[in-house]
PDB file of N, CA and C in Angstrom:
ATOM      1  N   MET A   1      -5.254 -27.836 -42.483  1.00  0.00           N
ATOM      2  CA  MET A   1      -6.915 -27.393 -42.193  1.00  0.00           C
ATOM      3  C   MET A   1      -6.702 -28.279 -40.266  1.00  0.00           C
ATOM      4  N   ARG A   2      -5.579 -28.920 -40.373  1.00  0.00           N
ATOM      5  CA  ARG A   2      -5.669 -30.045 -38.944  1.00  0.00           C
ATOM      6  C   ARG A   2      -4.584 -28.718 -37.895  1.00  0.00           C
ATOM      7  N   ARG A   3      -4.173 -28.209 -38.699  1.00  0.00           N
ATOM      8  CA  ARG A   3      -2.675 -27.448 -38.382  1.00  0.00           C
ATOM      9  C   ARG A   3      -3.597 -25.799 -38.213  1.00  0.00           C
ATOM     10  N   LYS A   4      -4.397 -25.443 -39.012  1.00  0.00           N
ATOM     11  CA  LYS A   4      -5.418 -23.995 -38.062  1.00  0.00           C
ATOM     12  C   LYS A   4      -6.191 -24.660 -37.380  1.00  0.00           C
ATOM     13  N   ALA A   5      -6.991 -25.076 -37.509  1.00  0.00           N
ATOM     14  CA  ALA A   5      -7.861 -26.560 -36.074  1.00  0.00           C
ATOM     15  C   ALA A   5      -7.435 -25.704 -34.546  1.00  0.00           C
ATOM     16  N   LEU A   6      -6.155 -26.172 -34.868  1.00  0.00           N
ATOM     17  CA  LEU A   6      -5.351 -26.760 -33.170  1.00  0.00           C
ATOM     18  C   LEU A   6      -4.753 -25.072 -33.489  1.00  0.00           C
ATOM     19  N   GLY A   7      -4.597 -24.163 -34.166  1.00  0.00           N
ATOM     20  CA  GLY A   7      -3.939 -22.930 -33.901  1.00  0.00           C
ATOM     21  C   GLY A   7      -5.012 -21.686 -32.848  1.00  0.00           C
ATOM     22  N   LEU A   8      -6.416 -22.515 -33.813  1.00  0.00           N
ATOM     23  CA  LEU A   8      -7.337 -21.354 -32.753  1.00  0.00           C
ATOM     24  C   LEU A   8      -7.846 -22.182 -31.383  1.00  0.00           C
ATOM     25  N   LEU A   9      -8.025 -23.456 -31.706  1.00  0.00           N
ATOM     26  CA  LEU A   9      -8.448 -24.249 -30.674  1.00  0.00           C
ATOM     27  C   LEU A   9      -7.055 -23.337 -29.414  1.00  0.00           C
ATOM     28  N   GLY A  10      -5.506 -22.882 -29.621  1.00  0.00           N
ATOM     29  CA  GLY A  10      -5.168 -22.466 -28.961  1.00  0.00           C
ATOM     30  C   GLY A  10      -5.195 -21.010 -27.943  1.00  0.00           C
ATOM     31  N   PHE A  11      -5.410 -20.472 -29.552  1.00  0.00           N
ATOM     32  CA  PHE A  11      -5.767 -19.356 -29.326  1.00  0.00           C
ATOM     33  C   PHE A  11      -7.255 -19.164 -28.112  1.00  0.00           C
ATOM     34  N   ALA A  12      -8.001 -19.844 -28.337  1.00  0.00           N
ATOM     35  CA  ALA A  12      -9.331 -19.878 -27.668  1.00  0.00           C
ATOM     36  C   ALA A  12      -8.618 -20.543 -25.976  1.00  0.00           C
ATOM     37  N   THR A  13      -7.988 -20.981 -26.230  1.00  0.00           N
ATOM     38  CA  THR A  13      -7.821 -21.603 -23.994  1.00  0.00           C
ATOM     39  C   THR A  13      -7.008 -20.510 -23.972  1.00  0.00           C
ATOM     40  N   GLY A  14      -5.551 -19.708 -24.514  1.00  0.00           N
ATOM     41  CA  GLY A  14      -5.205 -18.439 -24.252  1.00  0.00           C
ATOM     42  C   GLY A  14      -6.256 -17.273 -23.720  1.00  0.00           C
ATOM     43  N   VAL A  15      -7.407 -16.765 -24.475  1.00  0.00           N
ATOM     44  CA  VAL A  15      -8.424 -16.377 -24.201  1.00  0.00           C
ATOM     45  C   VAL A  15      -9.126 -16.234 -23.312  1.00  0.00           C
ATOM     46  N   ALA A  16      -9.497 -17.498 -22.558  1.00  0.00           N
ATOM     47  CA  ALA A  16     -10.269 -18.013 -21.940  1.00  0.00           C
ATOM     48  C   ALA A  16      -9.023 -18.300 -20.611  1.00  0.00           C
ATOM     49  N   ALA A  17      -8.457 -18.433 -20.373  1.00  0.00           N
ATOM     50  CA  ALA A  17      -7.076 -18.447 -19.387  1.00  0.00           C
ATOM     51  C   ALA A  17      -7.437 -17.398 -18.754  1.00  0.00           C
ATOM     52  N   GLY A  18      -6.046 -16.624 -19.616  1.00  0.00           N
ATOM     53  CA  GLY A  18      -7.115 -14.739 -20.189  1.00  0.00           C
ATOM     54  C   GLY A  18      -7.270 -14.060 -19.262  1.00  0.00           C
ATOM     55  N   SER A  19      -8.783 -14.489 -19.410  1.00  0.00           N
ATOM     56  CA  SER A  19     -10.134 -13.667 -18.805  1.00  0.00           C
ATOM     57  C   SER A  19     -10.163 -14.377 -17.223  1.00  0.00           C
ATOM     58  N   VAL A  20     -10.146 -15.757 -17.300  1.00  0.00           N
ATOM     59  CA  VAL A  20     -10.088 -15.765 -15.711  1.00  0.00           C
ATOM     60  C   VAL A  20      -9.337 -15.663 -14.922  1.00  0.00           C
ATOM     61  N   LEU A  21      -7.544 -15.348 -15.394  1.00  0.00           N
ATOM     62  CA  LEU A  21      -6.460 -14.090 -14.398  1.00  0.00           C
ATOM     63  C   LEU A  21      -7.044 -13.283 -15.091  1.00  0.00           C
ATOM     64  N   TYR A  22      -7.580 -12.337 -15.847  1.00  0.00           N
ATOM     65  CA  TYR A  22      -7.944 -11.275 -14.558  1.00  0.00           C
ATOM     66  C   TYR A  22      -9.117 -10.327 -14.486  1.00  0.00           C
ATOM     67  N   ARG A  23     -10.512 -11.463 -14.326  1.00  0.00           N
ATOM     68  CA  ARG A  23     -11.313 -11.417 -13.528  1.00  0.00           C
ATOM     69  C   ARG A  23     -10.633 -11.914 -11.707  1.00  0.00           C
ATOM     70  N   ARG A  24      -9.964 -12.537 -11.671  1.00  0.00           N
ATOM     71  CA  ARG A  24      -9.654 -12.368 -10.047  1.00  0.00           C
ATOM     72  C   ARG A  24      -9.081 -11.313  -9.501  1.00  0.00           C
ATOM     73  N   THR A  25      -8.166 -11.486 -11.017  1.00  0.00           N
ATOM     74  CA  THR A  25      -7.151 -10.130  -9.873  1.00  0.00           C
ATOM     75  C   THR A  25      -8.334  -8.826  -9.476  1.00  0.00           C
ATOM     76  N   LEU A  26      -8.455  -9.103 -10.802  1.00  0.00           N
ATOM     77  CA  LEU A  26      -9.568  -7.411 -10.809  1.00  0.00           C
ATOM     78  C   LEU A  26     -10.809  -7.571  -9.795  1.00  0.00           C
ATOM     79  N   ALA A  27     -11.287  -9.289  -9.266  1.00  0.00           N
ATOM     80  CA  ALA A  27     -11.474  -9.022  -7.815  1.00  0.00           C
ATOM     81  C   ALA A  27     -10.769  -8.935  -6.502  1.00  0.00           C
ATOM     82  N   ARG A  28      -9.455  -9.046  -6.810  1.00  0.00           N
ATOM     83  CA  ARG A  28      -8.903  -9.175  -4.831  1.00  0.00           C
ATOM     84  C   ARG A  28      -8.292  -7.661  -5.087  1.00  0.00           C
ATOM     85  N   ARG A  29      -8.242  -6.971  -5.991  1.00  0.00           N
ATOM     86  CA  ARG A  29      -8.594  -5.424  -5.512  1.00  0.00           C
ATOM     87  C   ARG A  29      -9.648  -4.903  -4.489  1.00  0.00           C
ATOM     88  N   ARG A  30     -10.589  -5.034  -4.784  1.00  0.00           N
ATOM     89  CA  ARG A  30     -12.230  -4.592  -4.913  1.00  0.00           C
ATOM     90  C   ARG A  30     -12.504  -5.653  -3.246  1.00  0.00           C
ATOM     91  N   GLU A  31     -12.185  -4.676  -2.175  1.00  0.00           N
ATOM     92  CA  GLU A  31     -12.083  -4.789  -0.773  1.00  0.00           C
ATOM     93  C   GLU A  31     -14.089  -4.071  -0.177  1.00  0.00           C
ATOM     94  N   ARG A  32     -14.453  -4.707   0.532  1.00  0.00           N
ATOM     95  CA  ARG A  32     -15.221  -4.297   0.291  1.00  0.00           C
ATOM     96  C   ARG A  32     -16.284  -5.448   2.003  1.00  0.00           C
ATOM     97  N   VAL A  33     -17.323  -4.294   2.430  1.00  0.00           N
ATOM     98  CA  VAL A  33     -17.777  -4.927   3.742  1.00  0.00           C
ATOM     99  C   VAL A  33     -19.168  -4.644   3.586  1.00  0.00           C
ATOM    100  N   ASP A  34     -19.879  -5.609   3.738  1.00  0.00           N
ATOM    101  CA  ASP A  34     -21.305  -5.928   3.540  1.00  0.00           C
ATOM    102  C   ASP A  34     -21.396  -7.319   5.464  1.00  0.00           C
ATOM    103  N   VAL A  35     -22.204  -6.026   5.633  1.00  0.00           N
ATOM    104  CA  VAL A  35     -23.111  -5.653   6.917  1.00  0.00           C
ATOM    105  C   VAL A  35     -24.883  -6.429   6.842  1.00  0.00           C
ATOM    106  N   TYR A  36     -24.550  -7.273   7.417  1.00  0.00           N
ATOM    107  CA  TYR A  36     -26.253  -7.497   7.485  1.00  0.00           C
ATOM    108  C   TYR A  36     -27.273  -7.774   8.751  1.00  0.00           C
ATOM    109  N   PHE A  37     -28.449  -6.778   8.246  1.00  0.00           N
ATOM    110  CA  PHE A  37     -29.138  -7.007   9.490  1.00  0.00           C
ATOM    111  C   PHE A  37     -29.585  -7.894  10.675  1.00  0.00           C
ATOM    112  N   GLU A  38     -30.100  -7.523  11.357  1.00  0.00           N
ATOM    113  CA  GLU A  38     -31.566  -8.488  11.774  1.00  0.00           C
ATOM    114  C   GLU A  38     -32.562  -8.976  10.985  1.00  0.00           C
ATOM    115  N   ASP A  39     -33.240  -8.039  10.187  1.00  0.00           N
ATOM    116  CA  ASP A  39     -34.477  -7.544  10.208  1.00  0.00           C
ATOM    117  C   ASP A  39     -34.631  -7.985   8.507  1.00  0.00           C
ATOM    118  N   GLY A  40     -32.826  -8.993   7.677  1.00  0.00           N
ATOM    119  CA  GLY A  40     -32.691  -9.021   6.678  1.00  0.00           C
ATOM    120  C   GLY A  40     -31.972  -7.360   5.662  1.00  0.00           C
ATOM    121  N   SER A  41     -32.313  -6.194   5.952  1.00  0.00           N
ATOM    122  CA  SER A  41     -31.310  -5.856   5.430  1.00  0.00           C
ATOM    123  C   SER A  41     -29.868  -5.836   5.052  1.00  0.00           C
ATOM    124  N   MET A  42     -28.956  -5.210   4.063  1.00  0.00           N
ATOM    125  CA  MET A  42     -28.005  -5.338   3.933  1.00  0.00           C
ATOM    126  C   MET A  42     -26.696  -4.088   3.679  1.00  0.00           C
ATOM    127  N   ILE A  43     -25.752  -3.617   3.450  1.00  0.00           N
ATOM    128  CA  ILE A  43     -25.071  -2.247   3.212  1.00  0.00           C
ATOM    129  C   ILE A  43     -24.340  -2.870   2.681  1.00  0.00           C
ATOM    130  N   THR A  44     -23.664  -2.537   2.243  1.00  0.00           N
ATOM    131  CA  THR A  44     -22.453  -2.298   1.044  1.00  0.00           C
ATOM    132  C   THR A  44     -21.427  -1.413   1.022  1.00  0.00           C
ATOM    133  N   TYR A  45     -20.289  -1.729   2.373  1.00  0.00           N
ATOM    134  CA  TYR A  45     -19.829  -0.222   1.949  1.00  0.00           C
ATOM    135  C   TYR A  45     -18.397  -1.158   1.196  1.00  0.00           C
ATOM    136  N   ASP A  46     -17.611   0.421   0.811  1.00  0.00           N
ATOM    137  CA  ASP A  46     -16.241  -0.227  -0.543  1.00  0.00           C
ATOM    138  C   ASP A  46     -14.777  -0.260   0.038  1.00  0.00           C
ATOM    139  N   ASP A  47     -14.013  -0.015   0.190  1.00  0.00           N
ATOM    140  CA  ASP A  47     -12.816   0.004   0.152  1.00  0.00           C
ATOM    141  C   ASP A  47     -12.829   1.868   0.317  1.00  0.00           C
ATOM    142  N   SER A  48     -13.243   2.279  -0.089  1.00  0.00           N
ATOM    143  CA  SER A  48     -13.178   3.962  -0.622  1.00  0.00           C
ATOM    144  C   SER A  48     -14.160   5.327   0.376  1.00  0.00           C
ATOM    145  N   SER A  49     -14.593   3.177   1.206  1.00  0.00           N
ATOM    146  CA  SER A  49     -14.969   4.442   1.695  1.00  0.00           C
ATOM    147  C   SER A  49     -14.784   5.089   3.763  1.00  0.00           C
ATOM    148  N   VAL A  50     -15.693   6.012   3.968  1.00  0.00           N
ATOM    149  CA  VAL A  50     -15.289   6.564   5.272  1.00  0.00           C
ATOM    150  C   VAL A  50     -15.182   4.626   6.692  1.00  0.00           C
ATOM    151  N   GLU A  51     -16.942   4.188   6.532  1.00  0.00           N
ATOM    152  CA  GLU A  51     -17.269   3.140   7.207  1.00  0.00           C
ATOM    153  C   GLU A  51     -16.347   1.877   7.260  1.00  0.00           C
ATOM    154  N   ALA A  52     -15.642   1.824   5.720  1.00  0.00           N
ATOM    155  CA  ALA A  52     -15.299   0.448   5.623  1.00  0.00           C
ATOM    156  C   ALA A  52     -13.194   0.764   6.560  1.00  0.00           C
ATOM    157  N   ALA A  53     -13.169   1.824   6.179  1.00  0.00           N
ATOM    158  CA  ALA A  53     -11.464   2.003   7.040  1.00  0.00           C
ATOM    159  C   ALA A  53     -11.440   1.507   8.991  1.00  0.00           C
ATOM    160  N   SER A  54     -12.534   2.124   8.953  1.00  0.00           N
ATOM    161  CA  SER A  54     -12.265   1.300  10.280  1.00  0.00           C
ATOM    162  C   SER A  54     -13.425  -0.299  10.810  1.00  0.00           C
ATOM    163  N   LEU A  55     -13.592  -1.049   9.348  1.00  0.00           N
ATOM    164  CA  LEU A  55     -14.119  -1.983   9.585  1.00  0.00           C
ATOM    165  C   LEU A  55     -13.606  -2.747   9.338  1.00  0.00           C
ATOM    166  N   LEU A  56     -12.634  -2.896   7.963  1.00  0.00           N
ATOM    167  CA  LEU A  56     -11.634  -3.822   6.632  1.00  0.00           C
ATOM    168  C   LEU A  56     -10.554  -4.206   7.618  1.00  0.00           C
ATOM    169  N   PRO A  57     -10.166  -3.706   9.048  1.00  0.00           N
ATOM    170  CA  PRO A  57      -8.816  -4.126   9.226  1.00  0.00           C
ATOM    171  C   PRO A  57      -9.970  -5.330  10.589  1.00  0.00           C
ATOM    172  N   VAL A  58     -10.846  -5.363  11.330  1.00  0.00           N
ATOM    173  CA  VAL A  58     -11.192  -6.212  11.905  1.00  0.00           C
ATOM    174  C   VAL A  58     -11.942  -7.190  10.978  1.00  0.00           C
ATOM    175  N   ALA A  59     -11.976  -6.523  10.043  1.00  0.00           N
ATOM    176  CA  ALA A  59     -12.826  -7.312   8.940  1.00  0.00           C
ATOM    177  C   ALA A  59     -11.548  -8.989   8.318  1.00  0.00           C
ATOM    178  N   ARG A  60     -10.588  -8.067   8.450  1.00  0.00           N
ATOM    179  CA  ARG A  60      -8.816  -9.233   7.627  1.00  0.00           C
ATOM    180  C   ARG A  60      -8.629  -9.816   9.459  1.00  0.00           C
ATOM    181  N   ASP A  61      -8.509  -8.560  10.521  1.00  0.00           N
ATOM    182  CA  ASP A  61      -8.264 -10.175  11.789  1.00  0.00           C
ATOM    183  C   ASP A  61      -9.200 -11.410  11.570  1.00  0.00           C
ATOM    184  N   ALA A  62     -10.464 -11.284  10.996  1.00  0.00           N
ATOM    185  CA  ALA A  62     -11.815 -12.324  11.749  1.00  0.00           C
ATOM    186  C   ALA A  62     -11.564 -13.158  10.343  1.00  0.00           C
ATOM    187  N   LEU A  63     -11.296 -12.771   8.700  1.00  0.00           N
ATOM    188  CA  LEU A  63     -10.580 -13.723   7.819  1.00  0.00           C
ATOM    189  C   LEU A  63      -9.202 -14.798   8.325  1.00  0.00           C
ATOM    190  N   ASP A  64      -8.417 -13.389   9.014  1.00  0.00           N
ATOM    191  CA  ASP A  64      -6.937 -13.863   9.147  1.00  0.00           C
ATOM    192  C   ASP A  64      -7.247 -15.256  10.724  1.00  0.00           C
ATOM    193  N   ALA A  65      -8.625 -14.807  11.468  1.00  0.00           N
ATOM    194  CA  ALA A  65      -7.994 -16.701  12.331  1.00  0.00           C
ATOM    195  C   ALA A  65      -8.824 -17.436  11.535  1.00  0.00           C
ATOM    196  N   ALA A  66     -10.101 -17.254  11.651  1.00  0.00           N
ATOM    197  CA  ALA A  66     -11.580 -18.613  11.233  1.00  0.00           C
ATOM    198  C   ALA A  66     -10.444 -18.917   9.446  1.00  0.00           C
ATOM    199  N   ARG A  67      -9.239 -18.135   9.270  1.00  0.00           N
ATOM    200  CA  ARG A  67      -8.113 -19.093   8.026  1.00  0.00           C
ATOM    201  C   ARG A  67      -7.298 -20.414   9.395  1.00  0.00           C
ATOM    202  N   GLY A  68      -6.854 -19.468  10.448  1.00  0.00           N
ATOM    203  CA  GLY A  68      -6.159 -21.023  10.826  1.00  0.00           C
ATOM    204  C   GLY A  68      -4.946 -20.438  10.621  1.00  0.00           C
TER     205      GLY A  68
END
């Protein structure tokens, strides 16, 4: 009984860890640019849009500079 419980606990831990890694990997693949306007509105451009093609390099440079 104890061995079975430990096996189930190990399996559940593995599933949880796999889920976290999968979500992190999936989140890294998608790049997007969020543009906030003075009136409080916002628009998001994903990496496949024409607008993002010109904004993403600038955003990457800004993040690299902020990270030091």
